[in-house]
Amino acid sequence: MRRRIAVLVFLPLAIVATALAGLVYIVAQQDGRWLANEPQVQLAEDAAARLDAGGTPQDQVDAVPVDVARSLAPFVVVYGSDDAILASGGLLDGQPPAVPAGVLAAARAAGRNAVTWQPRPGVRIATVSIPWKGGTVLAGRSLRLVEEQVDRLGLLVGAGWLASLVALAVAAAIVARFWPGSAATA
């Protein structure tokens, strides 16, 4: 009888704890991933504004290109209206990274396009593209730190979830022990 009461107390609470742990993980992961775009939005918008004001494509990129496979530093790539690279502040294997098809056209159509892209295994880049009068500006940066933070988040939420299940199991056992009509109270 006590075991049945413990299960009836524990099971709904365990379901709620599991749902809450999942919700916490998803919200925090998505928030962290969205925040990873903020520097790129600023870089791309500022570069597009400078280009529209008469700046040159080369002035929008760093003098020393970023190795996007190794560095956490953000980079900017300026594209012309034909999607040809006019200037690039990022290199992948010694070449400007080739943006996936449709990314620049989507930015021109919508005014902004944020894309996570994996140009090769082990390299994931968060990019934001903004149109300017003569083409499109893409700003990007590595997601390596964000993904490490998501991994830590998963461990913390998982540990909290397990601890809450243990606490709920103990509480359910105590409730079952003292439930009116159970063997312990007779």
N, C-alpha and C. Protein backbone atom coordinates (compact mmCIF):
# COMPACT_ATOMS: atom_id res chain seq x y z
N MET A 1 0.82 -1.20 0.00
CA MET A 1 0.00 0.00 0.00
C MET A 1 0.86 1.27 0.00
N ARG A 2 1.90 1.26 0.86
CA ARG A 2 2.76 2.44 0.93
C ARG A 2 3.47 2.69 -0.39
N ARG A 3 3.90 1.62 -1.03
CA ARG A 3 4.61 1.77 -2.30
C ARG A 3 3.70 2.38 -3.35
N ARG A 4 2.46 1.95 -3.38
CA ARG A 4 1.50 2.49 -4.35
C ARG A 4 1.26 3.99 -4.09
N ILE A 5 1.11 4.36 -2.84
CA ILE A 5 0.90 5.77 -2.48
C ILE A 5 2.13 6.58 -2.88
N ALA A 6 3.33 6.03 -2.61
CA ALA A 6 4.56 6.74 -2.97
C ALA A 6 4.63 6.98 -4.48
N VAL A 7 4.26 5.96 -5.25
CA VAL A 7 4.28 6.10 -6.71
C VAL A 7 3.24 7.14 -7.15
N LEU A 8 2.06 7.10 -6.58
CA LEU A 8 1.00 8.04 -6.95
C LEU A 8 1.36 9.48 -6.58
N VAL A 9 2.13 9.67 -5.53
CA VAL A 9 2.59 11.01 -5.15
C VAL A 9 3.77 11.42 -6.03
N PHE A 10 4.71 10.49 -6.24
CA PHE A 10 5.95 10.81 -6.96
C PHE A 10 5.73 11.06 -8.45
N LEU A 11 4.96 10.22 -9.10
CA LEU A 11 4.87 10.26 -10.57
C LEU A 11 4.41 11.61 -11.14
N PRO A 12 3.32 12.19 -10.68
CA PRO A 12 2.93 13.48 -11.25
C PRO A 12 3.94 14.59 -10.95
N LEU A 13 4.54 14.54 -9.77
CA LEU A 13 5.54 15.55 -9.43
C LEU A 13 6.81 15.37 -10.28
N ALA A 14 7.18 14.13 -10.56
CA ALA A 14 8.34 13.86 -11.41
C ALA A 14 8.08 14.34 -12.83
N ILE A 15 6.86 14.19 -13.30
CA ILE A 15 6.52 14.69 -14.64
C ILE A 15 6.62 16.21 -14.69
N VAL A 16 6.12 16.87 -13.67
CA VAL A 16 6.21 18.34 -13.61
C VAL A 16 7.68 18.77 -13.53
N ALA A 17 8.48 18.10 -12.70
CA ALA A 17 9.91 18.44 -12.57
C ALA A 17 10.63 18.25 -13.90
N THR A 18 10.30 17.19 -14.62
CA THR A 18 10.92 16.93 -15.92
C THR A 18 10.54 18.00 -16.92
N ALA A 19 9.27 18.35 -16.96
CA ALA A 19 8.81 19.40 -17.88
C ALA A 19 9.47 20.75 -17.56
N LEU A 20 9.57 21.07 -16.28
CA LEU A 20 10.20 22.34 -15.89
C LEU A 20 11.69 22.35 -16.23
N ALA A 21 12.37 21.24 -16.00
CA ALA A 21 13.80 21.17 -16.35
C ALA A 21 13.97 21.33 -17.85
N GLY A 22 13.13 20.69 -18.63
CA GLY A 22 13.20 20.83 -20.09
C GLY A 22 12.92 22.25 -20.53
N LEU A 23 11.94 22.88 -19.91
CA LEU A 23 11.61 24.27 -20.24
C LEU A 23 12.77 25.21 -19.91
N VAL A 24 13.36 25.04 -18.74
CA VAL A 24 14.50 25.87 -18.35
C VAL A 24 15.63 25.71 -19.36
N TYR A 25 15.92 24.47 -19.73
CA TYR A 25 17.01 24.22 -20.68
C TYR A 25 16.73 24.88 -22.03
N ILE A 26 15.53 24.67 -22.56
CA ILE A 26 15.20 25.21 -23.88
C ILE A 26 15.23 26.74 -23.88
N VAL A 27 14.64 27.36 -22.88
CA VAL A 27 14.61 28.83 -22.82
C VAL A 27 16.02 29.39 -22.70
N ALA A 28 16.82 28.83 -21.80
CA ALA A 28 18.19 29.34 -21.61
C ALA A 28 19.04 29.08 -22.84
N GLN A 29 18.89 27.92 -23.46
CA GLN A 29 19.68 27.61 -24.66
C GLN A 29 19.32 28.55 -25.80
N GLN A 30 18.04 28.77 -26.02
CA GLN A 30 17.61 29.65 -27.10
C GLN A 30 18.00 31.10 -26.84
N ASP A 31 17.90 31.53 -25.58
CA ASP A 31 18.31 32.89 -25.24
C ASP A 31 19.81 33.08 -25.48
N GLY A 32 20.60 32.12 -25.04
CA GLY A 32 22.04 32.20 -25.26
C GLY A 32 22.40 32.20 -26.74
N ARG A 33 21.70 31.38 -27.50
CA ARG A 33 21.98 31.32 -28.94
C ARG A 33 21.57 32.62 -29.61
N TRP A 34 20.43 33.19 -29.22
CA TRP A 34 19.99 34.45 -29.82
C TRP A 34 20.95 35.58 -29.48
N LEU A 35 21.41 35.60 -28.23
CA LEU A 35 22.35 36.65 -27.81
C LEU A 35 23.67 36.54 -28.56
N ALA A 36 24.00 35.37 -29.06
CA ALA A 36 25.24 35.19 -29.82
C ALA A 36 25.23 36.01 -31.10
N ASN A 37 24.06 36.46 -31.56
CA ASN A 37 23.96 37.26 -32.78
C ASN A 37 24.17 38.76 -32.55
N GLU A 38 24.10 39.21 -31.30
CA GLU A 38 24.11 40.65 -31.04
C GLU A 38 25.34 41.38 -31.59
N PRO A 39 26.56 40.87 -31.38
CA PRO A 39 27.70 41.61 -31.95
C PRO A 39 27.65 41.68 -33.48
N GLN A 40 27.19 40.62 -34.11
CA GLN A 40 27.13 40.60 -35.57
C GLN A 40 26.10 41.59 -36.10
N VAL A 41 24.98 41.74 -35.40
CA VAL A 41 23.97 42.72 -35.83
C VAL A 41 24.60 44.11 -35.83
N GLN A 42 25.25 44.44 -34.73
CA GLN A 42 25.88 45.77 -34.64
C GLN A 42 26.94 45.96 -35.71
N LEU A 43 27.82 44.97 -35.88
CA LEU A 43 28.89 45.08 -36.89
C LEU A 43 28.32 45.23 -38.30
N ALA A 44 27.35 44.41 -38.65
CA ALA A 44 26.79 44.44 -40.01
C ALA A 44 26.02 45.73 -40.24
N GLU A 45 25.20 46.16 -39.27
CA GLU A 45 24.43 47.40 -39.44
C GLU A 45 25.35 48.61 -39.55
N ASP A 46 26.38 48.65 -38.70
CA ASP A 46 27.30 49.79 -38.75
C ASP A 46 28.08 49.81 -40.07
N ALA A 47 28.55 48.65 -40.52
CA ALA A 47 29.28 48.60 -41.78
C ALA A 47 28.38 49.00 -42.95
N ALA A 48 27.14 48.52 -42.96
CA ALA A 48 26.21 48.88 -44.04
C ALA A 48 25.95 50.38 -44.04
N ALA A 49 25.79 50.96 -42.86
CA ALA A 49 25.57 52.42 -42.77
C ALA A 49 26.78 53.19 -43.28
N ARG A 50 27.99 52.74 -42.92
CA ARG A 50 29.20 53.42 -43.41
C ARG A 50 29.34 53.27 -44.92
N LEU A 51 29.00 52.10 -45.44
CA LEU A 51 29.06 51.89 -46.90
C LEU A 51 28.04 52.78 -47.60
N ASP A 52 26.84 52.84 -47.06
CA ASP A 52 25.80 53.70 -47.66
C ASP A 52 26.21 55.17 -47.61
N ALA A 53 27.04 55.54 -46.63
CA ALA A 53 27.50 56.93 -46.50
C ALA A 53 28.75 57.20 -47.34
N GLY A 54 29.18 56.20 -48.12
CA GLY A 54 30.32 56.42 -49.00
C GLY A 54 31.60 55.71 -48.60
N GLY A 55 31.57 54.94 -47.54
CA GLY A 55 32.76 54.21 -47.13
C GLY A 55 33.14 53.13 -48.14
N THR A 56 34.37 52.68 -48.06
CA THR A 56 34.83 51.64 -48.98
C THR A 56 34.68 50.27 -48.34
N PRO A 57 34.48 49.24 -49.15
CA PRO A 57 34.38 47.88 -48.60
C PRO A 57 35.60 47.49 -47.77
N GLN A 58 36.79 47.83 -48.22
CA GLN A 58 38.01 47.45 -47.52
C GLN A 58 38.10 48.09 -46.13
N ASP A 59 37.53 49.30 -45.99
CA ASP A 59 37.55 49.97 -44.69
C ASP A 59 36.64 49.30 -43.66
N GLN A 60 35.77 48.40 -44.08
CA GLN A 60 34.82 47.75 -43.17
C GLN A 60 35.39 46.47 -42.55
N VAL A 61 36.52 46.00 -43.05
CA VAL A 61 37.10 44.74 -42.56
C VAL A 61 38.43 45.02 -41.87
N ASP A 62 38.81 44.14 -40.97
CA ASP A 62 40.09 44.29 -40.27
C ASP A 62 41.25 44.08 -41.23
N ALA A 63 42.35 44.75 -40.96
CA ALA A 63 43.54 44.64 -41.82
C ALA A 63 44.11 43.23 -41.79
N VAL A 64 44.02 42.58 -40.63
CA VAL A 64 44.49 41.20 -40.50
C VAL A 64 43.26 40.30 -40.43
N PRO A 65 43.04 39.46 -41.45
CA PRO A 65 41.83 38.61 -41.45
C PRO A 65 41.81 37.63 -40.29
N VAL A 66 40.61 37.32 -39.85
CA VAL A 66 40.36 36.37 -38.77
C VAL A 66 40.32 34.96 -39.36
N ASP A 67 41.02 34.02 -38.73
CA ASP A 67 40.91 32.61 -39.10
C ASP A 67 39.64 32.10 -38.42
N VAL A 68 38.56 31.97 -39.18
CA VAL A 68 37.26 31.66 -38.58
C VAL A 68 37.20 30.26 -37.97
N ALA A 69 38.12 29.39 -38.33
CA ALA A 69 38.15 28.04 -37.75
C ALA A 69 38.79 28.03 -36.37
N ARG A 70 39.61 29.05 -36.07
CA ARG A 70 40.35 29.05 -34.81
C ARG A 70 39.97 30.19 -33.87
N SER A 71 39.63 31.33 -34.41
CA SER A 71 39.44 32.53 -33.60
C SER A 71 38.00 32.69 -33.15
N LEU A 72 37.85 33.33 -32.00
CA LEU A 72 36.53 33.70 -31.51
C LEU A 72 36.15 35.12 -31.96
N ALA A 73 37.08 35.81 -32.59
CA ALA A 73 36.85 37.20 -33.00
C ALA A 73 35.80 37.26 -34.11
N PRO A 74 34.96 38.30 -34.08
CA PRO A 74 33.99 38.47 -35.16
C PRO A 74 34.71 38.94 -36.43
N PHE A 75 34.04 38.74 -37.56
CA PHE A 75 34.60 39.16 -38.84
C PHE A 75 33.48 39.72 -39.71
N VAL A 76 33.88 40.49 -40.72
CA VAL A 76 32.93 41.10 -41.65
C VAL A 76 33.34 40.74 -43.07
N VAL A 77 32.34 40.43 -43.90
CA VAL A 77 32.56 40.21 -45.33
C VAL A 77 31.60 41.14 -46.07
N VAL A 78 32.13 41.89 -47.04
CA VAL A 78 31.31 42.81 -47.83
C VAL A 78 31.13 42.20 -49.22
N TYR A 79 29.87 42.09 -49.62
CA TYR A 79 29.51 41.52 -50.93
C TYR A 79 28.93 42.63 -51.80
N GLY A 80 29.20 42.52 -53.11
CA GLY A 80 28.59 43.44 -54.07
C GLY A 80 27.20 42.98 -54.43
N SER A 81 26.54 43.73 -55.30
CA SER A 81 25.17 43.41 -55.70
C SER A 81 25.07 42.08 -56.44
N ASP A 82 26.19 41.62 -57.00
CA ASP A 82 26.22 40.32 -57.68
C ASP A 82 26.67 39.19 -56.75
N ASP A 83 26.75 39.46 -55.46
CA ASP A 83 27.17 38.53 -54.41
C ASP A 83 28.66 38.18 -54.48
N ALA A 84 29.42 38.92 -55.27
CA ALA A 84 30.88 38.73 -55.30
C ALA A 84 31.48 39.39 -54.06
N ILE A 85 32.51 38.77 -53.50
CA ILE A 85 33.17 39.32 -52.32
C ILE A 85 34.00 40.53 -52.72
N LEU A 86 33.70 41.67 -52.08
CA LEU A 86 34.45 42.90 -52.31
C LEU A 86 35.58 43.05 -51.30
N ALA A 87 35.36 42.59 -50.07
CA ALA A 87 36.37 42.63 -49.02
C ALA A 87 35.98 41.60 -47.97
N SER A 88 36.99 40.96 -47.39
CA SER A 88 36.70 39.94 -46.38
C SER A 88 37.66 40.07 -45.21
N GLY A 89 37.10 40.08 -44.01
CA GLY A 89 37.88 40.11 -42.78
C GLY A 89 37.97 38.75 -42.14
N GLY A 90 37.50 37.72 -42.83
CA GLY A 90 37.55 36.36 -42.30
C GLY A 90 38.04 35.39 -43.36
N LEU A 91 38.83 34.41 -42.93
CA LEU A 91 39.33 33.38 -43.84
C LEU A 91 39.09 32.01 -43.25
N LEU A 92 38.77 31.07 -44.11
CA LEU A 92 38.63 29.67 -43.74
C LEU A 92 39.49 28.88 -44.71
N ASP A 93 40.50 28.22 -44.18
CA ASP A 93 41.46 27.50 -45.02
C ASP A 93 42.09 28.42 -46.06
N GLY A 94 42.37 29.65 -45.64
CA GLY A 94 43.07 30.61 -46.50
C GLY A 94 42.19 31.34 -47.50
N GLN A 95 40.90 31.05 -47.52
CA GLN A 95 39.97 31.69 -48.46
C GLN A 95 38.82 32.34 -47.70
N PRO A 96 38.22 33.38 -48.27
CA PRO A 96 37.01 33.91 -47.63
C PRO A 96 35.96 32.80 -47.53
N PRO A 97 35.27 32.69 -46.42
CA PRO A 97 34.26 31.64 -46.28
C PRO A 97 33.12 31.83 -47.29
N ALA A 98 32.72 30.73 -47.92
CA ALA A 98 31.63 30.78 -48.91
C ALA A 98 30.29 30.64 -48.18
N VAL A 99 29.51 31.70 -48.21
CA VAL A 99 28.22 31.72 -47.53
C VAL A 99 27.24 30.79 -48.26
N PRO A 100 26.36 30.10 -47.50
CA PRO A 100 25.38 29.22 -48.14
C PRO A 100 24.49 29.96 -49.14
N ALA A 101 24.08 29.26 -50.17
CA ALA A 101 23.22 29.84 -51.20
C ALA A 101 21.94 30.39 -50.57
N GLY A 102 21.52 31.55 -51.02
CA GLY A 102 20.26 32.15 -50.59
C GLY A 102 20.36 33.06 -49.38
N VAL A 103 21.47 33.01 -48.64
CA VAL A 103 21.60 33.81 -47.42
C VAL A 103 21.57 35.30 -47.75
N LEU A 104 22.33 35.71 -48.75
CA LEU A 104 22.41 37.13 -49.09
C LEU A 104 21.11 37.62 -49.72
N ALA A 105 20.51 36.81 -50.58
CA ALA A 105 19.23 37.18 -51.20
C ALA A 105 18.14 37.33 -50.13
N ALA A 106 18.15 36.44 -49.14
CA ALA A 106 17.16 36.53 -48.06
C ALA A 106 17.36 37.81 -47.25
N ALA A 107 18.61 38.21 -47.06
CA ALA A 107 18.88 39.46 -46.32
C ALA A 107 18.37 40.66 -47.11
N ARG A 108 18.59 40.65 -48.42
CA ARG A 108 18.11 41.76 -49.25
C ARG A 108 16.59 41.82 -49.25
N ALA A 109 15.95 40.67 -49.24
CA ALA A 109 14.48 40.63 -49.28
C ALA A 109 13.86 41.04 -47.95
N ALA A 110 14.48 40.64 -46.84
CA ALA A 110 13.88 40.86 -45.52
C ALA A 110 14.50 42.03 -44.75
N GLY A 111 15.64 42.52 -45.20
CA GLY A 111 16.32 43.60 -44.48
C GLY A 111 17.35 43.09 -43.48
N ARG A 112 17.28 41.81 -43.16
CA ARG A 112 18.26 41.17 -42.26
C ARG A 112 18.06 39.67 -42.36
N ASN A 113 19.16 38.95 -42.22
CA ASN A 113 19.07 37.49 -42.20
C ASN A 113 20.10 36.95 -41.23
N ALA A 114 19.65 36.21 -40.23
CA ALA A 114 20.54 35.58 -39.26
C ALA A 114 20.57 34.08 -39.54
N VAL A 115 21.77 33.56 -39.73
CA VAL A 115 21.93 32.15 -40.09
C VAL A 115 23.08 31.54 -39.29
N THR A 116 22.85 30.35 -38.78
CA THR A 116 23.93 29.56 -38.21
C THR A 116 24.38 28.61 -39.31
N TRP A 117 25.70 28.57 -39.49
CA TRP A 117 26.18 27.80 -40.62
C TRP A 117 27.44 27.05 -40.24
N GLN A 118 27.57 25.86 -40.80
CA GLN A 118 28.72 25.00 -40.54
C GLN A 118 29.44 24.76 -41.85
N PRO A 119 30.48 25.59 -42.13
CA PRO A 119 31.17 25.45 -43.41
C PRO A 119 31.98 24.16 -43.52
N ARG A 120 32.33 23.58 -42.38
CA ARG A 120 33.00 22.27 -42.35
C ARG A 120 32.86 21.71 -40.94
N PRO A 121 33.07 20.42 -40.76
CA PRO A 121 32.93 19.83 -39.42
C PRO A 121 33.82 20.55 -38.39
N GLY A 122 33.24 20.83 -37.23
CA GLY A 122 33.97 21.47 -36.17
C GLY A 122 33.99 22.99 -36.23
N VAL A 123 33.40 23.57 -37.26
CA VAL A 123 33.36 25.03 -37.40
C VAL A 123 31.91 25.44 -37.59
N ARG A 124 31.36 26.09 -36.57
CA ARG A 124 29.99 26.62 -36.65
C ARG A 124 30.05 28.12 -36.44
N ILE A 125 29.37 28.84 -37.32
CA ILE A 125 29.44 30.29 -37.33
C ILE A 125 28.03 30.87 -37.26
N ALA A 126 27.85 31.84 -36.38
CA ALA A 126 26.60 32.61 -36.32
C ALA A 126 26.81 33.85 -37.18
N THR A 127 25.97 34.03 -38.19
CA THR A 127 26.11 35.17 -39.09
C THR A 127 24.86 36.01 -39.12
N VAL A 128 25.05 37.30 -39.39
CA VAL A 128 23.95 38.23 -39.63
C VAL A 128 24.31 38.99 -40.90
N SER A 129 23.39 39.01 -41.85
CA SER A 129 23.59 39.72 -43.12
C SER A 129 22.62 40.89 -43.20
N ILE A 130 23.15 42.04 -43.64
CA ILE A 130 22.37 43.28 -43.76
C ILE A 130 22.63 43.85 -45.16
N PRO A 131 21.58 44.25 -45.87
CA PRO A 131 21.82 44.85 -47.19
C PRO A 131 22.33 46.29 -47.08
N TRP A 132 23.09 46.70 -48.07
CA TRP A 132 23.48 48.09 -48.23
C TRP A 132 23.22 48.44 -49.70
N LYS A 133 23.37 49.70 -50.07
CA LYS A 133 23.03 50.14 -51.43
C LYS A 133 23.73 49.35 -52.52
N GLY A 134 24.96 48.92 -52.26
CA GLY A 134 25.73 48.23 -53.28
C GLY A 134 25.85 46.73 -53.10
N GLY A 135 25.10 46.15 -52.16
CA GLY A 135 25.20 44.71 -51.94
C GLY A 135 24.74 44.30 -50.56
N THR A 136 25.55 43.48 -49.91
CA THR A 136 25.19 42.94 -48.60
C THR A 136 26.44 42.86 -47.73
N VAL A 137 26.26 43.11 -46.44
CA VAL A 137 27.33 42.94 -45.47
C VAL A 137 26.97 41.74 -44.60
N LEU A 138 27.95 40.86 -44.41
CA LEU A 138 27.76 39.71 -43.52
C LEU A 138 28.76 39.85 -42.38
N ALA A 139 28.28 39.72 -41.16
CA ALA A 139 29.15 39.67 -39.99
C ALA A 139 28.96 38.31 -39.34
N GLY A 140 30.05 37.72 -38.89
CA GLY A 140 29.96 36.39 -38.30
C GLY A 140 30.95 36.23 -37.17
N ARG A 141 30.73 35.17 -36.38
CA ARG A 141 31.69 34.78 -35.36
C ARG A 141 31.44 33.33 -34.99
N SER A 142 32.46 32.73 -34.40
CA SER A 142 32.40 31.34 -33.99
C SER A 142 31.36 31.13 -32.89
N LEU A 143 30.72 29.99 -32.92
CA LEU A 143 29.77 29.61 -31.87
C LEU A 143 30.42 28.70 -30.81
N ARG A 144 31.74 28.53 -30.89
CA ARG A 144 32.41 27.59 -29.99
C ARG A 144 32.10 27.86 -28.52
N LEU A 145 32.22 29.10 -28.05
CA LEU A 145 31.95 29.40 -26.64
C LEU A 145 30.48 29.22 -26.29
N VAL A 146 29.60 29.62 -27.19
CA VAL A 146 28.17 29.46 -26.95
C VAL A 146 27.83 27.98 -26.81
N GLU A 147 28.42 27.14 -27.66
CA GLU A 147 28.14 25.71 -27.58
C GLU A 147 28.73 25.10 -26.32
N GLU A 148 29.88 25.59 -25.87
CA GLU A 148 30.43 25.12 -24.60
C GLU A 148 29.50 25.52 -23.44
N GLN A 149 28.95 26.73 -23.50
CA GLN A 149 28.03 27.18 -22.46
C GLN A 149 26.76 26.34 -22.46
N VAL A 150 26.27 25.97 -23.64
CA VAL A 150 25.08 25.13 -23.73
C VAL A 150 25.36 23.75 -23.15
N ASP A 151 26.57 23.23 -23.39
CA ASP A 151 26.93 21.94 -22.80
C ASP A 151 26.93 22.01 -21.27
N ARG A 152 27.51 23.09 -20.72
CA ARG A 152 27.50 23.28 -19.26
C ARG A 152 26.08 23.45 -18.74
N LEU A 153 25.28 24.19 -19.47
CA LEU A 153 23.89 24.37 -19.09
C LEU A 153 23.17 23.02 -19.01
N GLY A 154 23.41 22.17 -19.99
CA GLY A 154 22.79 20.84 -19.99
C GLY A 154 23.20 20.03 -18.77
N LEU A 155 24.47 20.11 -18.40
CA LEU A 155 24.93 19.39 -17.21
C LEU A 155 24.28 19.94 -15.94
N LEU A 156 24.22 21.27 -15.84
CA LEU A 156 23.62 21.87 -14.64
C LEU A 156 22.13 21.56 -14.53
N VAL A 157 21.41 21.70 -15.62
CA VAL A 157 19.98 21.41 -15.60
C VAL A 157 19.76 19.92 -15.33
N GLY A 158 20.58 19.06 -15.93
CA GLY A 158 20.46 17.62 -15.69
C GLY A 158 20.72 17.26 -14.23
N ALA A 159 21.75 17.88 -13.65
CA ALA A 159 22.05 17.62 -12.24
C ALA A 159 20.91 18.12 -11.34
N GLY A 160 20.38 19.29 -11.65
CA GLY A 160 19.26 19.82 -10.88
C GLY A 160 18.03 18.95 -11.00
N TRP A 161 17.79 18.44 -12.20
CA TRP A 161 16.65 17.56 -12.43
C TRP A 161 16.79 16.28 -11.62
N LEU A 162 17.99 15.67 -11.67
CA LEU A 162 18.20 14.44 -10.90
C LEU A 162 18.05 14.69 -9.40
N ALA A 163 18.61 15.79 -8.92
CA ALA A 163 18.49 16.12 -7.49
C ALA A 163 17.02 16.32 -7.11
N SER A 164 16.26 16.97 -7.98
CA SER A 164 14.84 17.18 -7.66
C SER A 164 14.08 15.86 -7.66
N LEU A 165 14.44 14.93 -8.56
CA LEU A 165 13.77 13.62 -8.55
C LEU A 165 14.09 12.84 -7.28
N VAL A 166 15.34 12.93 -6.84
CA VAL A 166 15.70 12.25 -5.58
C VAL A 166 14.93 12.87 -4.42
N ALA A 167 14.88 14.19 -4.35
CA ALA A 167 14.14 14.86 -3.28
C ALA A 167 12.66 14.51 -3.34
N LEU A 168 12.10 14.46 -4.52
CA LEU A 168 10.68 14.09 -4.66
C LEU A 168 10.44 12.64 -4.24
N ALA A 169 11.37 11.74 -4.58
CA ALA A 169 11.22 10.34 -4.19
C ALA A 169 11.25 10.20 -2.66
N VAL A 170 12.16 10.91 -2.03
CA VAL A 170 12.23 10.87 -0.56
C VAL A 170 10.95 11.45 0.04
N ALA A 171 10.49 12.57 -0.49
CA ALA A 171 9.26 13.19 0.02
C ALA A 171 8.06 12.27 -0.18
N ALA A 172 8.00 11.62 -1.34
CA ALA A 172 6.88 10.71 -1.61
C ALA A 172 6.92 9.52 -0.66
N ALA A 173 8.11 9.02 -0.35
CA ALA A 173 8.23 7.90 0.60
C ALA A 173 7.78 8.33 2.00
N ILE A 174 8.15 9.53 2.40
CA ILE A 174 7.74 10.04 3.72
C ILE A 174 6.23 10.22 3.77
N VAL A 175 5.66 10.81 2.73
CA VAL A 175 4.20 11.00 2.68
C VAL A 175 3.50 9.65 2.73
N ALA A 176 4.00 8.67 1.97
CA ALA A 176 3.37 7.35 1.95
C ALA A 176 3.45 6.66 3.32
N ARG A 177 4.55 6.89 4.00
CA ARG A 177 4.72 6.26 5.31
C ARG A 177 3.69 6.76 6.31
N PHE A 178 3.36 8.03 6.23
CA PHE A 178 2.44 8.61 7.21
C PHE A 178 1.05 8.85 6.63
N TRP A 179 0.76 8.33 5.45
CA TRP A 179 -0.56 8.48 4.84
C TRP A 179 -1.60 7.76 5.71
N PRO A 180 -2.74 8.42 5.96
CA PRO A 180 -3.77 7.77 6.78
C PRO A 180 -4.20 6.43 6.17
N GLY A 181 -4.22 5.42 6.98
CA GLY A 181 -4.64 4.09 6.54
C GLY A 181 -3.49 3.22 6.06
N SER A 182 -2.26 3.80 5.98
CA SER A 182 -1.13 2.95 5.57
C SER A 182 -0.66 2.14 6.78
N ALA A 183 0.15 1.16 6.54
CA ALA A 183 0.59 0.24 7.61
C ALA A 183 1.36 0.97 8.71
N ALA A 184 2.07 2.03 8.42
CA ALA A 184 2.90 2.74 9.41
C ALA A 184 2.04 3.50 10.42
N THR A 185 0.85 3.93 10.01
CA THR A 185 0.02 4.72 10.93
C THR A 185 -0.96 3.85 11.74
N ALA A 186 -1.01 2.56 11.44
CA ALA A 186 -1.96 1.68 12.14
C ALA A 186 -1.46 1.28 13.49
